[in-house]
C-alpha atoms as a PDB file:
ATOM      1  CA  MET A   1      68.683 148.354 143.810  1.00  0.00           C
ATOM      2  CA  PRO A   2      68.297 145.081 141.835  1.00  0.00           C
ATOM      3  CA  VAL A   3      65.844 144.818 139.157  1.00  0.00           C
ATOM      4  CA  PRO A   4      62.964 142.344 140.011  1.00  0.00           C
ATOM      5  CA  HIS A   5      63.052 140.277 136.785  1.00  0.00           C
ATOM      6  CA  ARG A   6      65.808 138.923 134.833  1.00  0.00           C
ATOM      7  CA  TRP A   7      65.935 141.038 131.899  1.00  0.00           C
ATOM      8  CA  SER A   8      67.113 144.378 131.843  1.00  0.00           C
ATOM      9  CA  LEU A   9      65.307 147.598 130.659  1.00  0.00           C
ATOM     10  CA  ALA A  10      67.826 147.783 127.594  1.00  0.00           C
ATOM     11  CA  ALA A  11      66.874 144.132 126.539  1.00  0.00           C
ATOM     12  CA  LEU A  12      63.153 144.845 127.000  1.00  0.00           C
ATOM     13  CA  THR A  13      63.365 148.024 124.607  1.00  0.00           C
ATOM     14  CA  VAL A  14      65.260 145.990 121.971  1.00  0.00           C
ATOM     15  CA  ARG A  15      63.001 143.239 122.229  1.00  0.00           C
ATOM     16  CA  ALA A  16      60.039 145.608 121.458  1.00  0.00           C
ATOM     17  CA  ALA A  17      61.557 147.570 118.717  1.00  0.00           C
ATOM     18  CA  PRO A  18      60.701 144.952 116.027  1.00  0.00           C
ATOM     19  CA  LEU A  19      56.880 144.804 117.227  1.00  0.00           C
ATOM     20  CA  ALA A  20      56.525 148.424 116.764  1.00  0.00           C
ATOM     21  CA  SER A  21      57.778 148.628 113.361  1.00  0.00           C
ATOM     22  CA  MET A  22      55.103 145.674 112.267  1.00  0.00           C
ATOM     23  CA  TRP A  23      51.958 148.210 113.129  1.00  0.00           C
ATOM     24  CA  LEU A  24      53.372 151.654 112.271  1.00  0.00           C
ATOM     25  CA  PRO A  25      54.163 152.656 108.767  1.00  0.00           C
ATOM     26  CA  ALA A  26      57.714 153.411 107.893  1.00  0.00           C
ATOM     27  CA  MET A  27      58.715 156.958 108.418  1.00  0.00           C
ATOM     28  CA  ALA A  28      60.326 158.592 105.397  1.00  0.00           C
ATOM     29  CA  LYS A  29      63.332 160.957 105.945  1.00  0.00           C
ATOM     30  CA  THR A  30      61.997 163.922 103.945  1.00  0.00           C
ATOM     31  CA  THR A  31      58.643 165.421 102.893  1.00  0.00           C
ATOM     32  CA  GLU A  32      59.332 164.836  99.432  1.00  0.00           C
ATOM     33  CA  GLU A  33      59.821 161.108  99.989  1.00  0.00           C
ATOM     34  CA  ASP A  34      56.567 160.929 102.089  1.00  0.00           C
ATOM     35  CA  MET A  35      54.723 162.962  99.496  1.00  0.00           C
ATOM     36  CA  ASN A  36      56.160 160.301  96.675  1.00  0.00           C
ATOM     37  CA  GLN A  37      55.098 157.544  98.894  1.00  0.00           C
ATOM     38  CA  LEU A  38      51.547 158.851  99.388  1.00  0.00           C
ATOM     39  CA  GLU A  39      51.019 159.060  95.910  1.00  0.00           C
ATOM     40  CA  LYS A  40      52.029 155.547  95.313  1.00  0.00           C
ATOM     41  CA  ASP A  41      49.653 154.359  98.218  1.00  0.00           C
ATOM     42  CA  ILE A  42      46.916 156.584  96.684  1.00  0.00           C
ATOM     43  CA  ARG A  43      47.591 154.951  93.477  1.00  0.00           C
ATOM     44  CA  GLN A  44      47.558 151.571  95.043  1.00  0.00           C
ATOM     45  CA  LEU A  45      44.448 152.278  97.103  1.00  0.00           C
ATOM     46  CA  LYS A  46      42.492 152.996  93.655  1.00  0.00           C
ATOM     47  CA  ILE A  47      43.601 150.014  92.257  1.00  0.00           C
ATOM     48  CA  GLU A  48      42.355 148.044  95.034  1.00  0.00           C
ATOM     49  CA  TYR A  49      38.935 149.578  95.479  1.00  0.00           C
ATOM     50  CA  GLU A  50      38.472 148.668  91.689  1.00  0.00           C
ATOM     51  CA  GLN A  51      39.597 145.148  92.487  1.00  0.00           C
ATOM     52  CA  TYR A  52      37.146 145.157  95.475  1.00  0.00           C
ATOM     53  CA  PHE A  53      34.198 146.272  93.768  1.00  0.00           C
ATOM     54  CA  GLY A  54      34.975 144.528  90.702  1.00  0.00           C
ATOM     55  CA  GLY A  55      34.599 141.556  92.865  1.00  0.00           C
ATOM     56  CA  GLY A  56      38.464 140.239  92.606  1.00  0.00           C
ATOM     57  CA  LYS A  57      38.817 141.063  96.534  1.00  0.00           C
ATOM     58  CA  LYS A  58      36.656 140.080  99.377  1.00  0.00           C
ATOM     59  CA  ARG A  59      37.755 142.888 101.888  1.00  0.00           C
ATOM     60  CA  PRO A  60      38.358 146.533 101.028  1.00  0.00           C
ATOM     61  CA  PRO A  61      41.561 147.770 101.469  1.00  0.00           C
ATOM     62  CA  ALA A  62      41.363 149.049 105.104  1.00  0.00           C
ATOM     63  CA  ASP A  63      45.203 148.831 106.030  1.00  0.00           C
ATOM     64  CA  LEU A  64      46.227 150.800 102.866  1.00  0.00           C
ATOM     65  CA  GLU A  65      43.368 153.432 103.831  1.00  0.00           C
ATOM     66  CA  TRP A  66      44.711 153.670 107.507  1.00  0.00           C
ATOM     67  CA  ARG A  67      48.518 154.301 106.375  1.00  0.00           C
ATOM     68  CA  ILE A  68      47.163 156.990 103.932  1.00  0.00           C
ATOM     69  CA  GLU A  69      45.056 158.785 106.784  1.00  0.00           C
ATOM     70  CA  ILE A  70      47.993 158.569 109.072  1.00  0.00           C
ATOM     71  CA  THR A  71      50.502 160.308 106.826  1.00  0.00           C
ATOM     72  CA  MET A  72      47.732 162.781 105.744  1.00  0.00           C
ATOM     73  CA  LYS A  73      47.121 163.804 109.394  1.00  0.00           C
ATOM     74  CA  ARG A  74      50.483 164.257 109.782  1.00  0.00           C
ATOM     75  CA  TYR A  75      50.941 166.673 107.253  1.00  0.00           C
ATOM     76  CA  SER A  76      47.550 168.633 107.870  1.00  0.00           C
ATOM     77  CA  ASP A  77      49.218 170.378 110.959  1.00  0.00           C
ATOM     78  CA  ARG A  78      52.365 171.020 109.160  1.00  0.00           C
ATOM     79  CA  GLY A  79      51.246 173.713 106.440  1.00  0.00           C
ATOM     80  CA  SER A  80      53.351 176.579 107.582  1.00  0.00           C
ATOM     81  CA  GLN A  81      56.632 174.009 107.654  1.00  0.00           C
ATOM     82  CA  MET A  82      55.813 173.375 104.181  1.00  0.00           C
ATOM     83  CA  ASN A  83      57.075 175.326 100.864  1.00  0.00           C
ATOM     84  CA  PHE A  84      54.498 176.442  98.426  1.00  0.00           C
ATOM     85  CA  ALA A  85      54.998 173.543  96.200  1.00  0.00           C
ATOM     86  CA  GLN A  86      54.637 171.034  99.038  1.00  0.00           C
ATOM     87  CA  ARG A  87      51.436 172.593 100.318  1.00  0.00           C
ATOM     88  CA  PHE A  88      49.919 172.575  96.503  1.00  0.00           C
ATOM     89  CA  ARG A  89      51.069 168.679  96.060  1.00  0.00           C
ATOM     90  CA  TYR A  90      49.487 167.767  99.350  1.00  0.00           C
ATOM     91  CA  SER A  91      46.275 169.645  98.443  1.00  0.00           C
ATOM     92  CA  ASN A  92      46.170 168.052  95.157  1.00  0.00           C
ATOM     93  CA  LEU A  93      46.659 164.491  97.000  1.00  0.00           C
ATOM     94  CA  LEU A  94      43.937 165.466  99.439  1.00  0.00           C
ATOM     95  CA  LYS A  95      41.519 165.996  96.442  1.00  0.00           C
ATOM     96  CA  CYS A  96      42.393 162.676  95.206  1.00  0.00           C
ATOM     97  CA  ILE A  97      41.754 161.065  98.758  1.00  0.00           C
ATOM     98  CA  ARG A  98      38.492 162.853  98.833  1.00  0.00           C
ATOM     99  CA  SER A  99      37.135 161.582  95.267  1.00  0.00           C
ATOM    100  CA  ILE A 100      38.372 157.829  95.970  1.00  0.00           C
ATOM    101  CA  ALA A 101      36.278 158.419  99.315  1.00  0.00           C
ATOM    102  CA  LYS A 102      33.294 159.313  97.306  1.00  0.00           C
ATOM    103  CA  PHE A 103      33.812 156.483  94.990  1.00  0.00           C
ATOM    104  CA  SER A 104      34.190 153.848  97.803  1.00  0.00           C
ATOM    105  CA  ALA A 105      31.229 155.136  99.634  1.00  0.00           C
ATOM    106  CA  SER A 106      28.785 155.241  96.678  1.00  0.00           C
ATOM    107  CA  GLY A 107      30.118 151.858  95.540  1.00  0.00           C
END
């Protein structure tokens, strides 16, 4: 049975792949790499909020906040898959996020 359009299914998926990578954050290979990236993102979020409230930026850092939220949600259900050190680090990062959220809400 011929395909009703001139593009094959494989060509469509290859063309759609770069678009998906534009919106989704890059997935790290290990939990440690994810935690390192999360730590960098949290540090950057704090800096960008300070710039926003100081008047240096006109918009809050919503994209960075979204990326952090996605990563935190991904690991919130994986508590049993992480070792003790990873769970401890995750809980510390979660506390940092909550304090930044309080800071941004009160600002």
